[in-house]
Amino acid sequence: MKIPRSNVLQQLRFAPAFLLIAAGLTIGVIAQDQPQSAELTNRSKKAAETNSPTSTAVGEPDSSLRIGTGDLLEFSVYNVPELSTKTRISSSGDAYLPLIDYVHVGGLTVEEAQEVVQKKLSDGGFLKDPHVTLFVDQFASQGVSLLGEVVRPGVYPVLGEQRLYDVISAAGGLSDKAGRSVTITHRGQQDKPVVVELARNIADSPEHNVQVYPGDTIIVRKADIVYVVGDVSRPSGFLMDRGGLTVLQAVALAGGTTQTSKLNGAKIIRKTDTGMSETPIELKKILQAKAQDIPMLADDILFVPSSQSKIIGRRGIDAAIQMATAVGIVALR
């Protein structure tokens, strides 16, 4: 005949230590008949394998993360579902758990905390060879550092499962100067930064919305810039896309050349290790598709000079137009 669960729990509360050992074994026998026990165990194991921040999979942090104040822990004992509970770490680093009262786990890794709880249950005579699982639902005590080209750089808490886009959104999104390259460095893996390339529209690259963990450092890189100056419609600096920028594309972004541009005098000014260098380019042939387009590098300056003869000619044309207009007005009178 099975012992009612309520009687077993009453024995756990009031029986002497030697009786509690037998009661624990009895609960194990009862729990084996309960489908929810196996389901809870499988869920805990699966969560520990897939969602735990202490996973050692490629690109994820190691087990160096520490439990701290405010963290929410999920506590379970194999084959004893009655002891399953959730508890939040107090300011002193303690967690309240069934049977063993308060246990100090602050500053410990999840594995170390599991061993401490298992020892408390065993040494207190509550269970024989207990198998304890601790899963951190919320790492309230630790956050991620978000730096670089975001609206509000800073440290943001990681509560539950957080992903890259969630943290960027909490920081107000990307800035106008943000590039498409994001570097994520996990705690304990400073020498193995992970580079994530974002698409022009981040909604088009859900696979890049990777999970982030407490202690991560995320840096949003500034986009590379090229400059177009001289006799063009809109001289300015332009952000380079991930695929780079060519001379023809840069001219197009600058609104094209003007009627007084000296196309054969265009050149790229580039900073090198030995100083500034000037490279003449055949802009006229490039615009006519008679010469190959030239890729530009970050911080390149495309200079399009003005043609003095065109300027003088343009001035003569403007003067002739003005004179003709004046003559026409007189004739009308």
Protein backbone atom coordinates (compact mmCIF):
# COMPACT_ATOMS: atom_id res chain seq x y z
CA MET A 1 0.00 0.00 0.00
CA LYS A 2 1.34 3.43 -0.97
CA ILE A 3 1.87 5.97 1.78
CA PRO A 4 -0.10 9.21 1.17
CA ARG A 5 2.14 12.08 0.14
CA SER A 6 0.84 14.33 2.93
CA ASN A 7 1.93 11.76 5.56
CA VAL A 8 5.36 11.54 4.00
CA LEU A 9 5.81 15.31 4.07
CA GLN A 10 4.72 15.36 7.70
CA GLN A 11 7.35 12.75 8.50
CA LEU A 12 9.97 14.83 6.72
CA ARG A 13 9.11 17.77 8.95
CA PHE A 14 8.92 16.09 12.36
CA ALA A 15 10.72 12.72 12.21
CA PRO A 16 14.23 12.30 13.61
CA ALA A 17 17.13 12.21 11.23
CA PHE A 18 17.30 8.41 10.96
CA LEU A 19 13.61 8.27 10.07
CA LEU A 20 14.00 11.05 7.51
CA ILE A 21 16.48 8.89 5.58
CA ALA A 22 13.87 6.16 5.25
CA ALA A 23 11.21 8.74 4.39
CA GLY A 24 13.43 10.10 1.62
CA LEU A 25 13.77 6.64 0.14
CA THR A 26 9.99 6.18 0.35
CA ILE A 27 9.41 9.47 -1.46
CA GLY A 28 11.80 8.28 -4.18
CA VAL A 29 9.65 5.15 -4.66
CA ILE A 30 6.45 7.20 -4.77
CA ALA A 31 7.96 9.76 -7.16
CA GLN A 32 8.89 7.03 -9.61
CA ASP A 33 5.16 6.41 -10.11
CA GLN A 34 4.52 10.08 -10.89
CA PRO A 35 4.98 11.09 -14.59
CA GLN A 36 5.54 14.70 -13.56
CA SER A 37 8.79 13.73 -11.80
CA ALA A 38 10.36 12.42 -14.98
CA GLU A 39 9.03 15.43 -16.87
CA LEU A 40 10.52 17.84 -14.34
CA THR A 41 13.85 16.06 -14.42
CA ASN A 42 13.99 16.08 -18.21
CA ARG A 43 13.04 19.77 -18.30
CA SER A 44 15.72 20.65 -15.77
CA LYS A 45 18.37 18.67 -17.62
CA LYS A 46 17.37 20.18 -20.94
CA ALA A 47 17.39 23.70 -19.52
CA ALA A 48 20.78 23.14 -17.98
CA GLU A 49 22.17 21.88 -21.27
CA THR A 50 20.68 24.46 -23.63
CA ASN A 51 19.91 27.66 -21.74
CA SER A 52 22.40 27.72 -18.91
CA PRO A 53 24.90 30.60 -19.15
CA THR A 54 27.55 28.18 -17.95
CA SER A 55 27.40 26.09 -21.11
CA THR A 56 30.75 25.38 -22.72
CA ALA A 57 29.53 25.13 -26.32
CA VAL A 58 31.49 26.87 -29.04
CA GLY A 59 31.05 30.63 -28.84
CA GLU A 60 29.47 30.50 -25.37
CA PRO A 61 31.03 31.42 -22.02
CA ASP A 62 32.53 28.87 -19.64
CA SER A 63 31.48 28.06 -16.08
CA SER A 64 33.25 31.05 -14.52
CA LEU A 65 30.00 33.01 -13.97
CA ARG A 66 29.22 33.53 -10.30
CA ILE A 67 25.91 33.59 -8.48
CA GLY A 68 25.18 36.98 -6.96
CA THR A 69 22.62 39.08 -5.14
CA GLY A 70 19.20 39.16 -6.80
CA ASP A 71 19.76 36.11 -8.98
CA LEU A 72 16.74 33.81 -9.28
CA LEU A 73 17.59 30.11 -8.85
CA GLU A 74 15.49 27.08 -9.73
CA PHE A 75 16.20 24.25 -7.29
CA SER A 76 15.26 20.60 -7.85
CA VAL A 77 16.27 17.18 -6.49
CA TYR A 78 16.20 14.10 -8.67
CA ASN A 79 13.22 11.86 -7.87
CA VAL A 80 12.01 14.23 -5.11
CA PRO A 81 9.71 16.73 -6.86
CA GLU A 82 8.31 17.92 -3.49
CA LEU A 83 11.58 19.75 -2.87
CA SER A 84 11.51 21.69 -6.14
CA THR A 85 11.38 25.44 -5.61
CA LYS A 86 12.53 28.81 -6.86
CA THR A 87 14.48 31.16 -4.65
CA ARG A 88 16.11 34.57 -5.05
CA ILE A 89 19.54 35.26 -3.59
CA SER A 90 19.46 37.68 -0.66
CA SER A 91 21.77 40.65 -0.19
CA SER A 92 23.98 38.47 2.02
CA GLY A 93 24.36 35.85 -0.73
CA ASP A 94 22.06 33.29 0.92
CA ALA A 95 19.31 31.16 -0.64
CA TYR A 96 16.43 29.66 1.35
CA LEU A 97 15.86 25.99 0.45
CA PRO A 98 13.50 23.33 1.86
CA LEU A 99 14.77 21.25 4.83
CA ILE A 100 18.21 22.88 5.02
CA ASP A 101 17.09 26.47 5.61
CA TYR A 102 19.47 29.19 4.38
CA VAL A 103 22.54 28.22 2.36
CA HIS A 104 25.28 30.64 1.35
CA VAL A 105 25.86 30.34 -2.42
CA GLY A 106 26.80 33.91 -3.33
CA GLY A 107 30.08 34.07 -5.25
CA LEU A 108 29.92 30.38 -6.22
CA THR A 109 29.51 28.91 -9.68
CA VAL A 110 26.40 26.82 -10.35
CA GLU A 111 28.41 23.60 -10.05
CA GLU A 112 29.93 24.66 -6.74
CA ALA A 113 26.51 25.66 -5.37
CA GLN A 114 25.05 22.28 -6.36
CA GLU A 115 27.79 20.48 -4.43
CA VAL A 116 27.19 22.63 -1.34
CA VAL A 117 23.44 21.92 -1.35
CA GLN A 118 23.99 18.20 -1.95
CA LYS A 119 26.38 18.06 1.01
CA LYS A 120 23.89 19.88 3.25
CA LEU A 121 21.13 17.40 2.38
CA SER A 122 23.42 14.42 2.87
CA ASP A 123 25.18 15.56 6.06
CA GLY A 124 21.86 16.56 7.62
CA GLY A 125 20.51 13.06 7.09
CA PHE A 126 17.65 14.29 4.93
CA LEU A 127 18.47 12.33 1.76
CA LYS A 128 20.92 9.62 0.78
CA ASP A 129 23.16 10.45 -2.19
CA PRO A 130 20.98 13.36 -3.41
CA HIS A 131 21.35 14.64 -6.95
CA VAL A 132 20.70 18.40 -6.96
CA THR A 133 20.13 20.58 -10.02
CA LEU A 134 20.42 24.36 -9.84
CA PHE A 135 19.44 26.48 -12.81
CA VAL A 136 19.82 30.28 -12.88
CA ASP A 137 16.58 31.70 -14.29
CA GLN A 138 17.71 35.31 -13.93
CA PHE A 139 21.21 36.71 -13.56
CA ALA A 140 20.07 39.98 -11.95
CA SER A 141 23.49 40.65 -10.44
CA GLN A 142 25.37 40.79 -13.72
CA GLY A 143 24.86 42.54 -17.02
CA VAL A 144 26.47 43.09 -20.38
CA SER A 145 28.60 46.07 -21.35
CA LEU A 146 27.38 47.62 -24.61
CA LEU A 147 29.88 50.01 -26.15
CA GLY A 148 30.47 51.75 -29.45
CA GLU A 149 27.96 53.13 -31.91
CA VAL A 150 24.66 52.84 -30.04
CA VAL A 151 22.42 55.65 -28.82
CA ARG A 152 23.02 54.98 -25.09
CA PRO A 153 26.17 52.95 -24.36
CA GLY A 154 26.31 51.41 -20.91
CA VAL A 155 25.81 48.30 -18.79
CA TYR A 156 22.49 46.52 -19.23
CA PRO A 157 21.15 43.71 -17.00
CA VAL A 158 20.56 40.27 -18.48
CA LEU A 159 17.32 38.89 -17.08
CA GLY A 160 16.45 35.44 -18.34
CA GLU A 161 17.38 34.60 -21.92
CA GLN A 162 18.51 37.75 -23.72
CA ARG A 163 19.71 38.15 -27.30
CA LEU A 164 21.84 40.65 -29.13
CA TYR A 165 18.98 42.63 -30.67
CA ASP A 166 17.26 42.89 -27.26
CA VAL A 167 20.29 44.58 -25.72
CA ILE A 168 20.80 46.90 -28.70
CA SER A 169 17.13 47.87 -28.53
CA ALA A 170 17.42 48.61 -24.79
CA ALA A 171 20.30 50.97 -25.65
CA GLY A 172 18.11 52.95 -28.04
CA GLY A 173 19.26 51.19 -31.20
CA LEU A 174 22.21 51.79 -33.48
CA SER A 175 23.60 55.28 -34.02
CA ASP A 176 23.80 56.99 -37.40
CA LYS A 177 27.50 56.16 -37.61
CA ALA A 178 27.14 52.48 -36.72
CA GLY A 179 28.73 49.91 -38.96
CA ARG A 180 27.54 46.38 -39.61
CA SER A 181 30.15 44.63 -37.51
CA VAL A 182 29.53 43.71 -33.85
CA THR A 183 32.17 42.11 -31.63
CA ILE A 184 31.07 40.00 -28.64
CA THR A 185 33.60 38.95 -26.02
CA HIS A 186 32.43 36.42 -23.43
CA ARG A 187 33.74 36.49 -19.89
CA GLY A 188 36.52 33.97 -19.50
CA GLN A 189 37.17 33.96 -23.26
CA GLN A 190 38.90 37.30 -23.75
CA ASP A 191 41.11 35.83 -26.45
CA LYS A 192 38.18 34.46 -28.47
CA PRO A 193 35.98 37.39 -29.53
CA VAL A 194 33.02 36.55 -31.75
CA VAL A 195 32.32 38.84 -34.72
CA VAL A 196 28.71 39.13 -35.89
CA GLU A 197 27.95 40.78 -39.24
CA LEU A 198 24.57 42.52 -39.33
CA ALA A 199 22.50 42.87 -42.47
CA ARG A 200 21.33 46.28 -43.71
CA ASN A 201 17.94 45.37 -42.25
CA ILE A 202 18.55 43.41 -39.05
CA ALA A 203 15.15 41.72 -39.42
CA ASP A 204 16.59 39.94 -42.48
CA SER A 205 19.28 38.18 -40.42
CA PRO A 206 17.60 36.41 -37.47
CA GLU A 207 20.48 33.93 -37.33
CA HIS A 208 22.74 36.78 -36.19
CA ASN A 209 20.50 37.51 -33.21
CA VAL A 210 22.75 35.45 -30.95
CA GLN A 211 22.25 34.90 -27.24
CA VAL A 212 24.25 37.09 -24.85
CA TYR A 213 25.27 36.27 -21.30
CA PRO A 214 26.13 38.15 -18.10
CA GLY A 215 29.66 39.47 -18.24
CA ASP A 216 29.72 39.82 -22.04
CA THR A 217 31.25 42.89 -23.66
CA ILE A 218 29.54 43.98 -26.88
CA ILE A 219 31.15 46.57 -29.15
CA VAL A 220 29.28 48.01 -32.12
CA ARG A 221 31.92 49.12 -34.59
CA LYS A 222 31.86 52.53 -36.26
CA ALA A 223 31.26 52.40 -39.98
CA ASP A 224 34.14 53.24 -42.31
CA ILE A 225 33.85 56.58 -44.12
CA VAL A 226 35.07 57.90 -47.46
CA TYR A 227 35.05 61.56 -48.43
CA VAL A 228 34.16 63.21 -51.72
CA VAL A 229 35.28 66.84 -52.02
CA GLY A 230 35.82 69.40 -54.72
CA ASP A 231 33.58 70.23 -57.66
CA VAL A 232 30.67 67.89 -56.97
CA SER A 233 27.04 68.62 -56.16
CA ARG A 234 27.11 67.55 -52.50
CA PRO A 235 30.63 67.28 -51.01
CA SER A 236 30.48 65.16 -47.87
CA GLY A 237 31.61 62.03 -46.06
CA PHE A 238 29.74 58.81 -46.80
CA LEU A 239 29.43 55.60 -44.79
CA MET A 240 30.86 52.53 -46.43
CA ASP A 241 28.59 49.53 -46.65
CA ARG A 242 29.85 46.09 -45.67
CA GLY A 243 30.59 45.37 -49.33
CA GLY A 244 32.76 48.47 -49.70
CA LEU A 245 32.40 51.55 -51.90
CA THR A 246 33.77 52.32 -55.37
CA VAL A 247 34.66 55.64 -57.03
CA LEU A 248 31.53 55.58 -59.18
CA GLN A 249 29.31 54.86 -56.16
CA ALA A 250 30.96 57.64 -54.14
CA VAL A 251 30.40 60.15 -56.95
CA ALA A 252 26.77 59.09 -57.18
CA LEU A 253 26.31 59.60 -53.41
CA ALA A 254 27.81 63.08 -53.82
CA GLY A 255 25.13 63.95 -56.38
CA GLY A 256 27.43 63.62 -59.39
CA THR A 257 29.90 66.07 -60.91
CA THR A 258 29.06 69.58 -62.11
CA GLN A 259 29.41 71.30 -65.47
CA THR A 260 32.72 72.84 -64.38
CA SER A 261 34.33 69.65 -63.03
CA LYS A 262 37.74 68.71 -64.37
CA LEU A 263 37.17 64.98 -64.71
CA ASN A 264 40.67 64.19 -65.97
CA GLY A 265 42.18 65.81 -62.88
CA ALA A 266 40.39 63.69 -60.26
CA LYS A 267 42.51 61.78 -57.75
CA ILE A 268 42.28 59.67 -54.61
CA ILE A 269 44.16 60.98 -51.57
CA ARG A 270 45.04 58.14 -49.19
CA LYS A 271 46.86 58.01 -45.88
CA THR A 272 49.67 55.44 -45.81
CA ASP A 273 52.37 54.45 -43.36
CA THR A 274 54.79 56.81 -45.09
CA GLY A 275 52.36 59.74 -45.33
CA MET A 276 49.69 60.96 -47.73
CA SER A 277 49.65 59.62 -51.28
CA GLU A 278 47.84 60.88 -54.39
CA THR A 279 46.61 58.50 -57.07
CA PRO A 280 45.28 60.04 -60.33
CA ILE A 281 42.16 58.33 -61.70
CA GLU A 282 40.46 58.50 -65.09
CA LEU A 283 37.12 59.65 -63.77
CA LYS A 284 35.80 60.64 -67.20
CA LYS A 285 36.40 57.16 -68.60
CA ILE A 286 34.94 55.55 -65.47
CA LEU A 287 31.75 57.60 -65.87
CA GLN A 288 31.63 56.56 -69.54
CA ALA A 289 32.18 52.89 -68.61
CA LYS A 290 35.42 52.88 -70.60
CA ALA A 291 37.62 52.20 -67.60
CA GLN A 292 37.30 49.83 -64.64
CA ASP A 293 35.71 51.21 -61.50
CA ILE A 294 38.13 51.57 -58.56
CA PRO A 295 37.34 50.35 -55.01
CA MET A 296 37.94 52.85 -52.22
CA LEU A 297 39.33 52.22 -48.77
CA ALA A 298 38.27 53.58 -45.41
CA ASP A 299 39.18 57.28 -44.95
CA ASP A 300 39.99 57.75 -48.66
CA ILE A 301 39.41 61.24 -50.09
CA LEU A 302 38.14 61.54 -53.65
CA PHE A 303 39.03 64.98 -54.95
CA VAL A 304 37.38 66.34 -58.11
CA PRO A 305 38.95 69.70 -59.12
CA SER A 306 37.34 72.49 -61.12
CA SER A 307 38.34 73.34 -64.68
CA GLN A 308 39.34 77.01 -64.96
CA SER A 309 38.58 77.10 -68.67
CA LYS A 310 35.11 75.68 -68.02
CA ILE A 311 34.57 78.22 -65.26
CA ILE A 312 35.59 81.10 -67.57
CA GLY A 313 33.46 79.70 -70.36
CA ARG A 314 30.57 79.24 -67.95
CA ARG A 315 30.92 82.83 -66.80
CA GLY A 316 30.89 84.05 -70.45
CA ILE A 317 27.74 82.04 -71.12
CA ASP A 318 26.07 83.43 -68.00
CA ALA A 319 27.06 86.99 -69.00
CA ALA A 320 25.69 86.48 -72.54
CA ILE A 321 22.42 85.15 -71.13
CA GLN A 322 22.12 88.11 -68.80
CA MET A 323 22.85 90.56 -71.67
CA ALA A 324 20.31 88.88 -73.94
CA THR A 325 17.73 89.00 -71.18
CA ALA A 326 18.37 92.71 -70.64
CA VAL A 327 18.10 93.44 -74.36
CA GLY A 328 14.82 91.56 -74.54
CA ILE A 329 13.39 93.56 -71.70
CA VAL A 330 14.38 96.86 -73.39
CA ALA A 331 12.84 95.74 -76.66
CA LEU A 332 9.58 94.97 -74.95
CA ARG A 333 9.42 98.50 -73.65
